[in-house]
């Protein structure tokens, strides 16, 4: 490997290290009206985001009763459903978002083998 290639790869690696942990999260939570389960899911995901993604997330709550085309477009089978659009890979979570560990692992905020 040429010296210039090594330097370029090192620069890319350093840049990657600097941005790790600073990605902006784009999340969409699909709910069915203001049912107790929907309200609980909203409260839970907001709490998780505030505790772990301070200022680094965008959360959009979509009521599929008011916007049924969104549910069809996303091919939702159940609600509440949280979809992590960014950073990739795309992930889906179904339920009231009360399993904090599962959400944090799914959002790649903690390693799978680390317990909270």
PDB file of N, CA and C in Angstrom:
ATOM      1  N   UNK A   1       0.847  -1.171   0.000  1.00  0.00           N
ATOM      2  CA  UNK A   1       0.000   0.000   0.000  1.00  0.00           C
ATOM      3  C   UNK A   1       0.892   1.234   0.000  1.00  0.00           C
ATOM      4  N   UNK A   2       0.558   2.190  -0.858  1.00  0.00           N
ATOM      5  CA  UNK A   2       1.335   3.411  -0.957  1.00  0.00           C
ATOM      6  C   UNK A   2       1.123   4.274   0.287  1.00  0.00           C
ATOM      7  N   UNK A   3       2.073   5.134   0.548  1.00  0.00           N
ATOM      8  CA  UNK A   3       2.014   6.026   1.712  1.00  0.00           C
ATOM      9  C   UNK A   3       0.792   6.946   1.626  1.00  0.00           C
ATOM     10  N   UNK A   4       0.462   7.429   0.428  1.00  0.00           N
ATOM     11  CA  UNK A   4      -0.687   8.333   0.271  1.00  0.00           C
ATOM     12  C   UNK A   4      -2.001   7.608   0.555  1.00  0.00           C
ATOM     13  N   UNK A   5      -2.078   6.309   0.196  1.00  0.00           N
ATOM     14  CA  UNK A   5      -3.280   5.519   0.483  1.00  0.00           C
ATOM     15  C   UNK A   5      -3.424   5.305   1.985  1.00  0.00           C
ATOM     16  N   UNK A   6      -2.293   5.028   2.664  1.00  0.00           N
ATOM     17  CA  UNK A   6      -2.318   4.852   4.110  1.00  0.00           C
ATOM     18  C   UNK A   6      -2.806   6.126   4.793  1.00  0.00           C
ATOM     19  N   UNK A   7      -2.283   7.244   4.341  1.00  0.00           N
ATOM     20  CA  UNK A   7      -2.661   8.539   4.913  1.00  0.00           C
ATOM     21  C   UNK A   7      -4.147   8.809   4.710  1.00  0.00           C
ATOM     22  N   UNK A   8      -4.652   8.518   3.514  1.00  0.00           N
ATOM     23  CA  UNK A   8      -6.073   8.734   3.204  1.00  0.00           C
ATOM     24  C   UNK A   8      -6.954   7.840   4.079  1.00  0.00           C
ATOM     25  N   UNK A   9      -6.583   6.557   4.216  1.00  0.00           N
ATOM     26  CA  UNK A   9      -7.352   5.636   5.055  1.00  0.00           C
ATOM     27  C   UNK A   9      -7.329   6.067   6.509  1.00  0.00           C
ATOM     28  N   UNK A  10      -6.188   6.543   6.979  1.00  0.00           N
ATOM     29  CA  UNK A  10      -6.084   7.023   8.360  1.00  0.00           C
ATOM     30  C   UNK A  10      -6.968   8.236   8.578  1.00  0.00           C
ATOM     31  N   UNK A  11      -6.991   9.127   7.611  1.00  0.00           N
ATOM     32  CA  UNK A  11      -7.831  10.326   7.718  1.00  0.00           C
ATOM     33  C   UNK A  11      -9.309   9.948   7.775  1.00  0.00           C
ATOM     34  N   UNK A  12      -9.719   8.995   6.925  1.00  0.00           N
ATOM     35  CA  UNK A  12     -11.114   8.547   6.932  1.00  0.00           C
ATOM     36  C   UNK A  12     -11.476   7.907   8.266  1.00  0.00           C
ATOM     37  N   UNK A  13     -10.565   7.104   8.815  1.00  0.00           N
ATOM     38  CA  UNK A  13     -10.795   6.453  10.089  1.00  0.00           C
ATOM     39  C   UNK A  13     -10.928   7.495  11.205  1.00  0.00           C
ATOM     40  N   UNK A  14     -10.047   8.465  11.237  1.00  0.00           N
ATOM     41  CA  UNK A  14     -10.098   9.524  12.253  1.00  0.00           C
ATOM     42  C   UNK A  14     -11.400  10.316  12.142  1.00  0.00           C
ATOM     43  N   UNK A  15     -11.807  10.625  10.928  1.00  0.00           N
ATOM     44  CA  UNK A  15     -13.061  11.353  10.725  1.00  0.00           C
ATOM     45  C   UNK A  15     -14.243  10.536  11.229  1.00  0.00           C
ATOM     46  N   UNK A  16     -14.230   9.240  10.956  1.00  0.00           N
ATOM     47  CA  UNK A  16     -15.294   8.348  11.415  1.00  0.00           C
ATOM     48  C   UNK A  16     -15.360   8.320  12.933  1.00  0.00           C
ATOM     49  N   UNK A  17     -14.207   8.268  13.590  1.00  0.00           N
ATOM     50  CA  UNK A  17     -14.168   8.264  15.053  1.00  0.00           C
ATOM     51  C   UNK A  17     -14.748   9.548  15.634  1.00  0.00           C
ATOM     52  N   UNK A  18     -14.485  10.662  14.984  1.00  0.00           N
ATOM     53  CA  UNK A  18     -14.956  11.952  15.482  1.00  0.00           C
ATOM     54  C   UNK A  18     -16.468  12.081  15.371  1.00  0.00           C
ATOM     55  N   UNK A  19     -17.069  11.481  14.355  1.00  0.00           N
ATOM     56  CA  UNK A  19     -18.513  11.607  14.177  1.00  0.00           C
ATOM     57  C   UNK A  19     -19.295  10.531  14.906  1.00  0.00           C
ATOM     58  N   UNK A  20     -18.629   9.455  15.345  1.00  0.00           N
ATOM     59  CA  UNK A  20     -19.317   8.398  16.070  1.00  0.00           C
ATOM     60  C   UNK A  20     -19.910   8.964  17.353  1.00  0.00           C
ATOM     61  N   UNK A  21     -21.170   8.650  17.572  1.00  0.00           N
ATOM     62  CA  UNK A  21     -21.834   9.145  18.776  1.00  0.00           C
ATOM     63  C   UNK A  21     -22.457  10.509  18.599  1.00  0.00           C
ATOM     64  N   UNK A  22     -22.302  11.089  17.413  1.00  0.00           N
ATOM     65  CA  UNK A  22     -22.894  12.407  17.167  1.00  0.00           C
ATOM     66  C   UNK A  22     -23.922  12.389  16.036  1.00  0.00           C
ATOM     67  N   UNK A  23     -24.253  11.215  15.542  1.00  0.00           N
ATOM     68  CA  UNK A  23     -25.198  11.135  14.436  1.00  0.00           C
ATOM     69  C   UNK A  23     -26.553  11.676  14.865  1.00  0.00           C
ATOM     70  N   UNK A  24     -27.236  12.270  13.913  1.00  0.00           N
ATOM     71  CA  UNK A  24     -28.595  12.743  14.148  1.00  0.00           C
ATOM     72  C   UNK A  24     -29.530  11.565  13.892  1.00  0.00           C
ATOM     73  N   UNK A  25     -30.424  11.309  14.836  1.00  0.00           N
ATOM     74  CA  UNK A  25     -31.388  10.224  14.717  1.00  0.00           C
ATOM     75  C   UNK A  25     -32.706  10.787  14.208  1.00  0.00           C
ATOM     76  N   UNK A  26     -33.232  10.154  13.182  1.00  0.00           N
ATOM     77  CA  UNK A  26     -34.538  10.516  12.643  1.00  0.00           C
ATOM     78  C   UNK A  26     -35.473   9.357  12.963  1.00  0.00           C
ATOM     79  N   UNK A  27     -36.448   9.632  13.816  1.00  0.00           N
ATOM     80  CA  UNK A  27     -37.364   8.602  14.312  1.00  0.00           C
ATOM     81  C   UNK A  27     -38.798   8.990  13.995  1.00  0.00           C
ATOM     82  N   UNK A  28     -39.594   7.987  13.641  1.00  0.00           N
ATOM     83  CA  UNK A  28     -41.024   8.203  13.421  1.00  0.00           C
ATOM     84  C   UNK A  28     -41.789   7.196  14.259  1.00  0.00           C
ATOM     85  N   UNK A  29     -42.701   7.717  15.067  1.00  0.00           N
ATOM     86  CA  UNK A  29     -43.531   6.864  15.910  1.00  0.00           C
ATOM     87  C   UNK A  29     -44.955   6.914  15.369  1.00  0.00           C
ATOM     88  N   UNK A  30     -45.452   5.773  14.958  1.00  0.00           N
ATOM     89  CA  UNK A  30     -46.809   5.667  14.423  1.00  0.00           C
ATOM     90  C   UNK A  30     -47.714   5.151  15.529  1.00  0.00           C
ATOM     91  N   UNK A  31     -48.783   5.917  15.808  1.00  0.00           N
ATOM     92  CA  UNK A  31     -49.726   5.565  16.868  1.00  0.00           C
ATOM     93  C   UNK A  31     -51.139   5.549  16.305  1.00  0.00           C
ATOM     94  N   UNK A  32     -52.063   4.990  17.104  1.00  0.00           N
ATOM     95  CA  UNK A  32     -53.475   4.934  16.713  1.00  0.00           C
ATOM     96  C   UNK A  32     -54.273   5.799  17.675  1.00  0.00           C
ATOM     97  N   UNK A  33     -54.356   7.090  17.372  1.00  0.00           N
ATOM     98  CA  UNK A  33     -55.096   8.003  18.241  1.00  0.00           C
ATOM     99  C   UNK A  33     -54.379   8.202  19.561  1.00  0.00           C
ATOM    100  N   UNK A  34     -55.117   8.695  20.548  1.00  0.00           N
ATOM    101  CA  UNK A  34     -54.531   8.945  21.858  1.00  0.00           C
ATOM    102  C   UNK A  34     -54.989   7.883  22.860  1.00  0.00           C
ATOM    103  N   UNK A  35     -54.808   6.643  22.488  1.00  0.00           N
ATOM    104  CA  UNK A  35     -55.138   5.522  23.367  1.00  0.00           C
ATOM    105  C   UNK A  35     -54.098   5.450  24.484  1.00  0.00           C
ATOM    106  N   UNK A  36     -54.401   4.771  25.587  1.00  0.00           N
ATOM    107  CA  UNK A  36     -53.407   4.629  26.654  1.00  0.00           C
ATOM    108  C   UNK A  36     -52.079   4.030  26.154  1.00  0.00           C
ATOM    109  N   UNK A  37     -52.164   3.059  25.273  1.00  0.00           N
ATOM    110  CA  UNK A  37     -50.941   2.428  24.725  1.00  0.00           C
ATOM    111  C   UNK A  37     -50.140   3.426  23.883  1.00  0.00           C
ATOM    112  N   UNK A  38     -50.832   4.233  23.092  1.00  0.00           N
ATOM    113  CA  UNK A  38     -50.159   5.249  22.280  1.00  0.00           C
ATOM    114  C   UNK A  38     -49.493   6.293  23.161  1.00  0.00           C
ATOM    115  N   UNK A  39     -50.203   6.752  24.164  1.00  0.00           N
ATOM    116  CA  UNK A  39     -49.657   7.757  25.079  1.00  0.00           C
ATOM    117  C   UNK A  39     -48.423   7.221  25.791  1.00  0.00           C
ATOM    118  N   UNK A  40     -48.488   5.972  26.234  1.00  0.00           N
ATOM    119  CA  UNK A  40     -47.355   5.343  26.920  1.00  0.00           C
ATOM    120  C   UNK A  40     -46.148   5.243  25.985  1.00  0.00           C
ATOM    121  N   UNK A  41     -46.392   4.870  24.739  1.00  0.00           N
ATOM    122  CA  UNK A  41     -45.297   4.760  23.767  1.00  0.00           C
ATOM    123  C   UNK A  41     -44.644   6.122  23.536  1.00  0.00           C
ATOM    124  N   UNK A  42     -45.448   7.165  23.413  1.00  0.00           N
ATOM    125  CA  UNK A  42     -44.923   8.526  23.210  1.00  0.00           C
ATOM    126  C   UNK A  42     -44.078   8.942  24.411  1.00  0.00           C
ATOM    127  N   UNK A  43     -44.609   8.746  25.610  1.00  0.00           N
ATOM    128  CA  UNK A  43     -43.876   9.109  26.826  1.00  0.00           C
ATOM    129  C   UNK A  43     -42.561   8.332  26.927  1.00  0.00           C
ATOM    130  N   UNK A  44     -42.618   7.031  26.688  1.00  0.00           N
ATOM    131  CA  UNK A  44     -41.424   6.197  26.816  1.00  0.00           C
ATOM    132  C   UNK A  44     -40.336   6.578  25.823  1.00  0.00           C
ATOM    133  N   UNK A  45     -40.696   6.773  24.556  1.00  0.00           N
ATOM    134  CA  UNK A  45     -39.662   7.068  23.567  1.00  0.00           C
ATOM    135  C   UNK A  45     -39.109   8.475  23.772  1.00  0.00           C
ATOM    136  N   UNK A  46     -39.933   9.419  24.195  1.00  0.00           N
ATOM    137  CA  UNK A  46     -39.419  10.761  24.489  1.00  0.00           C
ATOM    138  C   UNK A  46     -38.417  10.721  25.634  1.00  0.00           C
ATOM    139  N   UNK A  47     -38.729   9.943  26.660  1.00  0.00           N
ATOM    140  CA  UNK A  47     -37.819   9.822  27.801  1.00  0.00           C
ATOM    141  C   UNK A  47     -36.495   9.179  27.375  1.00  0.00           C
ATOM    142  N   UNK A  48     -36.565   8.113  26.606  1.00  0.00           N
ATOM    143  CA  UNK A  48     -35.356   7.440  26.122  1.00  0.00           C
ATOM    144  C   UNK A  48     -34.511   8.398  25.286  1.00  0.00           C
ATOM    145  N   UNK A  49     -35.156   9.144  24.402  1.00  0.00           N
ATOM    146  CA  UNK A  49     -34.429  10.076  23.538  1.00  0.00           C
ATOM    147  C   UNK A  49     -33.784  11.199  24.343  1.00  0.00           C
ATOM    148  N   UNK A  50     -34.508  11.764  25.285  1.00  0.00           N
ATOM    149  CA  UNK A  50     -33.961  12.855  26.098  1.00  0.00           C
ATOM    150  C   UNK A  50     -32.790  12.386  26.951  1.00  0.00           C
ATOM    151  N   UNK A  51     -32.847  11.178  27.448  1.00  0.00           N
ATOM    152  CA  UNK A  51     -31.773  10.653  28.292  1.00  0.00           C
ATOM    153  C   UNK A  51     -30.541  10.231  27.496  1.00  0.00           C
ATOM    154  N   UNK A  52     -30.730   9.828  26.243  1.00  0.00           N
ATOM    155  CA  UNK A  52     -29.633   9.233  25.494  1.00  0.00           C
ATOM    156  C   UNK A  52     -29.244   9.954  24.209  1.00  0.00           C
ATOM    157  N   UNK A  53     -30.086  10.827  23.707  1.00  0.00           N
ATOM    158  CA  UNK A  53     -29.815  11.496  22.430  1.00  0.00           C
ATOM    159  C   UNK A  53     -30.008  13.016  22.521  1.00  0.00           C
ATOM    160  N   UNK A  54     -29.709  13.594  23.661  1.00  0.00           N
ATOM    161  CA  UNK A  54     -29.955  15.011  23.892  1.00  0.00           C
ATOM    162  C   UNK A  54     -29.538  15.868  22.695  1.00  0.00           C
ATOM    163  N   UNK A  55     -30.526  16.489  22.051  1.00  0.00           N
ATOM    164  CA  UNK A  55     -30.261  17.393  20.940  1.00  0.00           C
ATOM    165  C   UNK A  55     -29.844  16.725  19.643  1.00  0.00           C
ATOM    166  N   UNK A  56     -29.843  15.405  19.606  1.00  0.00           N
ATOM    167  CA  UNK A  56     -29.382  14.702  18.403  1.00  0.00           C
ATOM    168  C   UNK A  56     -30.478  13.865  17.764  1.00  0.00           C
ATOM    169  N   UNK A  57     -31.726  14.247  17.996  1.00  0.00           N
ATOM    170  CA  UNK A  57     -32.794  13.441  17.415  1.00  0.00           C
ATOM    171  C   UNK A  57     -33.940  14.303  16.931  1.00  0.00           C
ATOM    172  N   UNK A  58     -34.648  13.731  15.986  1.00  0.00           N
ATOM    173  CA  UNK A  58     -35.873  14.323  15.464  1.00  0.00           C
ATOM    174  C   UNK A  58     -36.933  13.235  15.585  1.00  0.00           C
ATOM    175  N   UNK A  59     -37.947  13.508  16.389  1.00  0.00           N
ATOM    176  CA  UNK A  59     -39.016  12.529  16.607  1.00  0.00           C
ATOM    177  C   UNK A  59     -40.308  13.083  16.045  1.00  0.00           C
ATOM    178  N   UNK A  60     -40.880  12.347  15.118  1.00  0.00           N
ATOM    179  CA  UNK A  60     -42.167  12.718  14.534  1.00  0.00           C
ATOM    180  C   UNK A  60     -43.195  11.677  14.966  1.00  0.00           C
ATOM    181  N   UNK A  61     -44.280  12.150  15.575  1.00  0.00           N
ATOM    182  CA  UNK A  61     -45.358  11.263  15.989  1.00  0.00           C
ATOM    183  C   UNK A  61     -46.472  11.388  14.960  1.00  0.00           C
ATOM    184  N   UNK A  62     -46.870  10.250  14.390  1.00  0.00           N
ATOM    185  CA  UNK A  62     -47.874  10.235  13.326  1.00  0.00           C
ATOM    186  C   UNK A  62     -49.055   9.384  13.767  1.00  0.00           C
ATOM    187  N   UNK A  63     -50.224   9.993  13.785  1.00  0.00           N
ATOM    188  CA  UNK A  63     -51.464   9.286  14.106  1.00  0.00           C
ATOM    189  C   UNK A  63     -51.993   8.676  12.814  1.00  0.00           C
ATOM    190  N   UNK A  64     -51.984   7.352  12.744  1.00  0.00           N
ATOM    191  CA  UNK A  64     -52.383   6.705  11.493  1.00  0.00           C
ATOM    192  C   UNK A  64     -53.888   6.780  11.246  1.00  0.00           C
ATOM    193  N   UNK A  65     -54.664   7.156  12.260  1.00  0.00           N
ATOM    194  CA  UNK A  65     -56.083   7.424  12.021  1.00  0.00           C
ATOM    195  C   UNK A  65     -56.243   8.703  11.216  1.00  0.00           C
ATOM    196  N   UNK A  66     -55.381   9.685  11.472  1.00  0.00           N
ATOM    197  CA  UNK A  66     -55.453  10.957  10.754  1.00  0.00           C
ATOM    198  C   UNK A  66     -54.689  10.933   9.438  1.00  0.00           C
ATOM    199  N   UNK A  67     -53.676  10.057   9.351  1.00  0.00           N
ATOM    200  CA  UNK A  67     -52.857   9.963   8.139  1.00  0.00           C
ATOM    201  C   UNK A  67     -52.693   8.497   7.721  1.00  0.00           C
ATOM    202  N   UNK A  68     -53.786   7.850   7.310  1.00  0.00           N
ATOM    203  CA  UNK A  68     -53.716   6.423   6.973  1.00  0.00           C
ATOM    204  C   UNK A  68     -52.777   6.108   5.810  1.00  0.00           C
ATOM    205  N   UNK A  69     -52.537   7.082   4.942  1.00  0.00           N
ATOM    206  CA  UNK A  69     -51.631   6.844   3.812  1.00  0.00           C
ATOM    207  C   UNK A  69     -50.208   6.574   4.299  1.00  0.00           C
ATOM    208  N   UNK A  70     -49.838   7.157   5.444  1.00  0.00           N
ATOM    209  CA  UNK A  70     -48.503   6.915   6.011  1.00  0.00           C
ATOM    210  C   UNK A  70     -48.355   5.455   6.436  1.00  0.00           C
ATOM    211  N   UNK A  71     -49.392   4.909   7.055  1.00  0.00           N
ATOM    212  CA  UNK A  71     -49.350   3.512   7.497  1.00  0.00           C
ATOM    213  C   UNK A  71     -49.229   2.578   6.296  1.00  0.00           C
ATOM    214  N   UNK A  72     -49.954   2.904   5.245  1.00  0.00           N
ATOM    215  CA  UNK A  72     -49.907   2.080   4.041  1.00  0.00           C
ATOM    216  C   UNK A  72     -48.520   2.157   3.398  1.00  0.00           C
ATOM    217  N   UNK A  73     -47.987   3.356   3.317  1.00  0.00           N
ATOM    218  CA  UNK A  73     -46.671   3.569   2.708  1.00  0.00           C
ATOM    219  C   UNK A  73     -45.577   2.816   3.467  1.00  0.00           C
ATOM    220  N   UNK A  74     -45.654   2.820   4.788  1.00  0.00           N
ATOM    221  CA  UNK A  74     -44.649   2.145   5.616  1.00  0.00           C
ATOM    222  C   UNK A  74     -44.947   0.660   5.820  1.00  0.00           C
ATOM    223  N   UNK A  75     -46.085   0.201   5.298  1.00  0.00           N
ATOM    224  CA  UNK A  75     -46.509  -1.198   5.421  1.00  0.00           C
ATOM    225  C   UNK A  75     -46.553  -1.643   6.880  1.00  0.00           C
ATOM    226  N   UNK A  76     -47.197  -0.818   7.705  1.00  0.00           N
ATOM    227  CA  UNK A  76     -47.308  -1.117   9.127  1.00  0.00           C
ATOM    228  C   UNK A  76     -48.298  -2.237   9.374  1.00  0.00           C
ATOM    229  N   UNK A  77     -47.947  -3.131  10.273  1.00  0.00           N
ATOM    230  CA  UNK A  77     -48.820  -4.234  10.650  1.00  0.00           C
ATOM    231  C   UNK A  77     -49.427  -4.027  12.024  1.00  0.00           C
ATOM    232  N   UNK A  78     -48.803  -3.186  12.841  1.00  0.00           N
ATOM    233  CA  UNK A  78     -49.263  -2.963  14.209  1.00  0.00           C
ATOM    234  C   UNK A  78     -48.883  -1.553  14.634  1.00  0.00           C
ATOM    235  N   UNK A  79     -49.529  -1.101  15.693  1.00  0.00           N
ATOM    236  CA  UNK A  79     -49.201   0.206  16.251  1.00  0.00           C
ATOM    237  C   UNK A  79     -49.330   0.104  17.760  1.00  0.00           C
ATOM    238  N   UNK A  80     -48.521   0.828  18.482  1.00  0.00           N
ATOM    239  CA  UNK A  80     -47.497   1.768  18.041  1.00  0.00           C
ATOM    240  C   UNK A  80     -46.296   1.054  17.406  1.00  0.00           C
ATOM    241  N   UNK A  81     -45.738   1.723  16.399  1.00  0.00           N
ATOM    242  CA  UNK A  81     -44.524   1.268  15.746  1.00  0.00           C
ATOM    243  C   UNK A  81     -43.564   2.436  15.649  1.00  0.00           C
ATOM    244  N   UNK A  82     -42.327   2.214  16.079  1.00  0.00           N
ATOM    245  CA  UNK A  82     -41.267   3.207  15.944  1.00  0.00           C
ATOM    246  C   UNK A  82     -40.360   2.762  14.815  1.00  0.00           C
ATOM    247  N   UNK A  83     -40.080   3.681  13.900  1.00  0.00           N
ATOM    248  CA  UNK A  83     -39.149   3.396  12.809  1.00  0.00           C
ATOM    249  C   UNK A  83     -37.967   4.341  12.921  1.00  0.00           C
ATOM    250  N   UNK A  84     -36.774   3.749  12.985  1.00  0.00           N
ATOM    251  CA  UNK A  84     -35.534   4.533  12.976  1.00  0.00           C
ATOM    252  C   UNK A  84     -35.122   4.670  11.520  1.00  0.00           C
ATOM    253  N   UNK A  85     -35.262   5.869  10.979  1.00  0.00           N
ATOM    254  CA  UNK A  85     -34.898   6.119   9.589  1.00  0.00           C
ATOM    255  C   UNK A  85     -33.397   6.346   9.443  1.00  0.00           C
ATOM    256  N   UNK A  86     -32.837   7.147  10.327  1.00  0.00           N
ATOM    257  CA  UNK A  86     -31.405   7.458  10.309  1.00  0.00           C
ATOM    258  C   UNK A  86     -30.874   7.433  11.722  1.00  0.00           C
ATOM    259  N   UNK A  87     -29.635   7.113  11.927  1.00  0.00           N
ATOM    260  CA  UNK A  87     -28.690   6.598  10.944  1.00  0.00           C
ATOM    261  C   UNK A  87     -29.049   5.172  10.536  1.00  0.00           C
ATOM    262  N   UNK A  88     -28.609   4.819   9.366  1.00  0.00           N
ATOM    263  CA  UNK A  88     -28.877   3.474   8.867  1.00  0.00           C
ATOM    264  C   UNK A  88     -28.178   2.456   9.730  1.00  0.00           C
ATOM    265  N   UNK A  89     -28.624   1.249   9.828  1.00  0.00           N
ATOM    266  CA  UNK A  89     -29.725   0.640   9.098  1.00  0.00           C
ATOM    267  C   UNK A  89     -31.083   1.007   9.702  1.00  0.00           C
ATOM    268  N   UNK A  90     -32.088   0.967   8.854  1.00  0.00           N
ATOM    269  CA  UNK A  90     -33.452   1.195   9.270  1.00  0.00           C
ATOM    270  C   UNK A  90     -33.859   0.098  10.257  1.00  0.00           C
ATOM    271  N   UNK A  91     -34.559   0.504  11.306  1.00  0.00           N
ATOM    272  CA  UNK A  91     -35.018  -0.470  12.303  1.00  0.00           C
ATOM    273  C   UNK A  91     -36.459  -0.165  12.660  1.00  0.00           C
ATOM    274  N   UNK A  92     -37.202  -1.207  13.083  1.00  0.00           N
ATOM    275  CA  UNK A  92     -38.594  -1.074  13.511  1.00  0.00           C
ATOM    276  C   UNK A  92     -38.767  -1.688  14.893  1.00  0.00           C
ATOM    277  N   UNK A  93     -39.572  -1.009  15.708  1.00  0.00           N
ATOM    278  CA  UNK A  93     -39.906  -1.487  17.045  1.00  0.00           C
ATOM    279  C   UNK A  93     -41.421  -1.411  17.198  1.00  0.00           C
ATOM    280  N   UNK A  94     -42.016  -2.465  17.708  1.00  0.00           N
ATOM    281  CA  UNK A  94     -43.468  -2.496  17.893  1.00  0.00           C
ATOM    282  C   UNK A  94     -43.768  -2.617  19.377  1.00  0.00           C
ATOM    283  N   UNK A  95     -44.745  -1.843  19.833  1.00  0.00           N
ATOM    284  CA  UNK A  95     -45.151  -1.917  21.229  1.00  0.00           C
ATOM    285  C   UNK A  95     -45.125  -0.554  21.897  1.00  0.00           C
ATOM    286  N   UNK A  96     -45.202  -0.576  23.224  1.00  0.00           N
ATOM    287  CA  UNK A  96     -45.297   0.697  23.951  1.00  0.00           C
ATOM    288  C   UNK A  96     -43.933   1.281  24.321  1.00  0.00           C
ATOM    289  N   UNK A  97     -42.859   0.744  23.784  1.00  0.00           N
ATOM    290  CA  UNK A  97     -41.496   1.240  23.962  1.00  0.00           C
ATOM    291  C   UNK A  97     -41.039   1.182  25.415  1.00  0.00           C
ATOM    292  N   UNK A  98     -41.613   0.264  26.190  1.00  0.00           N
ATOM    293  CA  UNK A  98     -41.266   0.166  27.607  1.00  0.00           C
ATOM    294  C   UNK A  98     -40.011  -0.669  27.862  1.00  0.00           C
ATOM    295  N   UNK A  99     -39.564  -1.441  26.880  1.00  0.00           N
ATOM    296  CA  UNK A  99     -38.349  -2.233  27.039  1.00  0.00           C
ATOM    297  C   UNK A  99     -37.154  -1.372  26.630  1.00  0.00           C
ATOM    298  N   UNK A 100     -36.693  -0.575  27.571  1.00  0.00           N
ATOM    299  CA  UNK A 100     -35.637   0.409  27.307  1.00  0.00           C
ATOM    300  C   UNK A 100     -34.376  -0.242  26.742  1.00  0.00           C
ATOM    301  N   UNK A 101     -33.973  -1.376  27.304  1.00  0.00           N
ATOM    302  CA  UNK A 101     -32.758  -2.041  26.838  1.00  0.00           C
ATOM    303  C   UNK A 101     -32.880  -2.447  25.371  1.00  0.00           C
ATOM    304  N   UNK A 102     -34.020  -3.008  25.005  1.00  0.00           N
ATOM    305  CA  UNK A 102     -34.236  -3.428  23.609  1.00  0.00           C
ATOM    306  C   UNK A 102     -34.179  -2.229  22.670  1.00  0.00           C
ATOM    307  N   UNK A 103     -34.764  -1.111  23.084  1.00  0.00           N
ATOM    308  CA  UNK A 103     -34.757   0.101  22.257  1.00  0.00           C
ATOM    309  C   UNK A 103     -33.329   0.628  22.109  1.00  0.00           C
ATOM    310  N   UNK A 104     -32.590   0.705  23.214  1.00  0.00           N
ATOM    311  CA  UNK A 104     -31.221   1.223  23.160  1.00  0.00           C
ATOM    312  C   UNK A 104     -30.318   0.342  22.305  1.00  0.00           C
ATOM    313  N   UNK A 105     -30.470  -0.961  22.410  1.00  0.00           N
ATOM    314  CA  UNK A 105     -29.684  -1.878  21.569  1.00  0.00           C
ATOM    315  C   UNK A 105     -30.087  -1.698  20.107  1.00  0.00           C
ATOM    316  N   UNK A 106     -31.383  -1.619  19.845  1.00  0.00           N
ATOM    317  CA  UNK A 106     -31.873  -1.460  18.477  1.00  0.00           C
ATOM    318  C   UNK A 106     -31.470  -0.145  17.835  1.00  0.00           C
ATOM    319  N   UNK A 107     -31.307   0.891  18.653  1.00  0.00           N
ATOM    320  CA  UNK A 107     -30.859   2.181  18.142  1.00  0.00           C
ATOM    321  C   UNK A 107     -29.332   2.268  18.073  1.00  0.00           C
ATOM    322  N   UNK A 108     -28.670   1.177  18.427  1.00  0.00           N
ATOM    323  CA  UNK A 108     -27.202   1.100  18.440  1.00  0.00           C
ATOM    324  C   UNK A 108     -26.594   2.088  19.429  1.00  0.00           C
ATOM    325  N   UNK A 109     -27.264   2.299  20.546  1.00  0.00           N
ATOM    326  CA  UNK A 109     -26.747   3.191  21.579  1.00  0.00           C
ATOM    327  C   UNK A 109     -25.981   2.439  22.653  1.00  0.00           C
ATOM    328  N   UNK A 110     -26.240   1.149  22.785  1.00  0.00           N
ATOM    329  CA  UNK A 110     -25.463   0.284  23.685  1.00  0.00           C
ATOM    330  C   UNK A 110     -25.233  -1.038  22.973  1.00  0.00           C
ATOM    331  N   UNK A 111     -24.116  -1.695  23.248  1.00  0.00           N
ATOM    332  CA  UNK A 111     -23.852  -3.004  22.643  1.00  0.00           C
ATOM    333  C   UNK A 111     -24.867  -4.039  23.137  1.00  0.00           C
ATOM    334  N   UNK A 112     -25.111  -5.051  22.320  1.00  0.00           N
ATOM    335  CA  UNK A 112     -26.064  -6.118  22.661  1.00  0.00           C
ATOM    336  C   UNK A 112     -25.746  -6.803  23.968  1.00  0.00           C
ATOM    337  N   UNK A 113     -24.483  -7.038  24.239  1.00  0.00           N
ATOM    338  CA  UNK A 113     -24.102  -7.806  25.409  1.00  0.00           C
ATOM    339  C   UNK A 113     -23.987  -6.973  26.679  1.00  0.00           C
ATOM    340  N   UNK A 114     -24.164  -5.659  26.591  1.00  0.00           N
ATOM    341  CA  UNK A 114     -24.073  -4.810  27.774  1.00  0.00           C
ATOM    342  C   UNK A 114     -25.436  -4.728  28.434  1.00  0.00           C
ATOM    343  N   UNK A 115     -25.499  -4.969  29.728  1.00  0.00           N
ATOM    344  CA  UNK A 115     -26.763  -4.858  30.445  1.00  0.00           C
ATOM    345  C   UNK A 115     -26.853  -3.510  31.106  1.00  0.00           C
ATOM    346  N   UNK A 116     -28.068  -3.011  31.220  1.00  0.00           N
ATOM    347  CA  UNK A 116     -28.281  -1.686  31.820  1.00  0.00           C
ATOM    348  C   UNK A 116     -28.427  -1.773  33.302  1.00  0.00           C
TER     349      UNK A 116
END
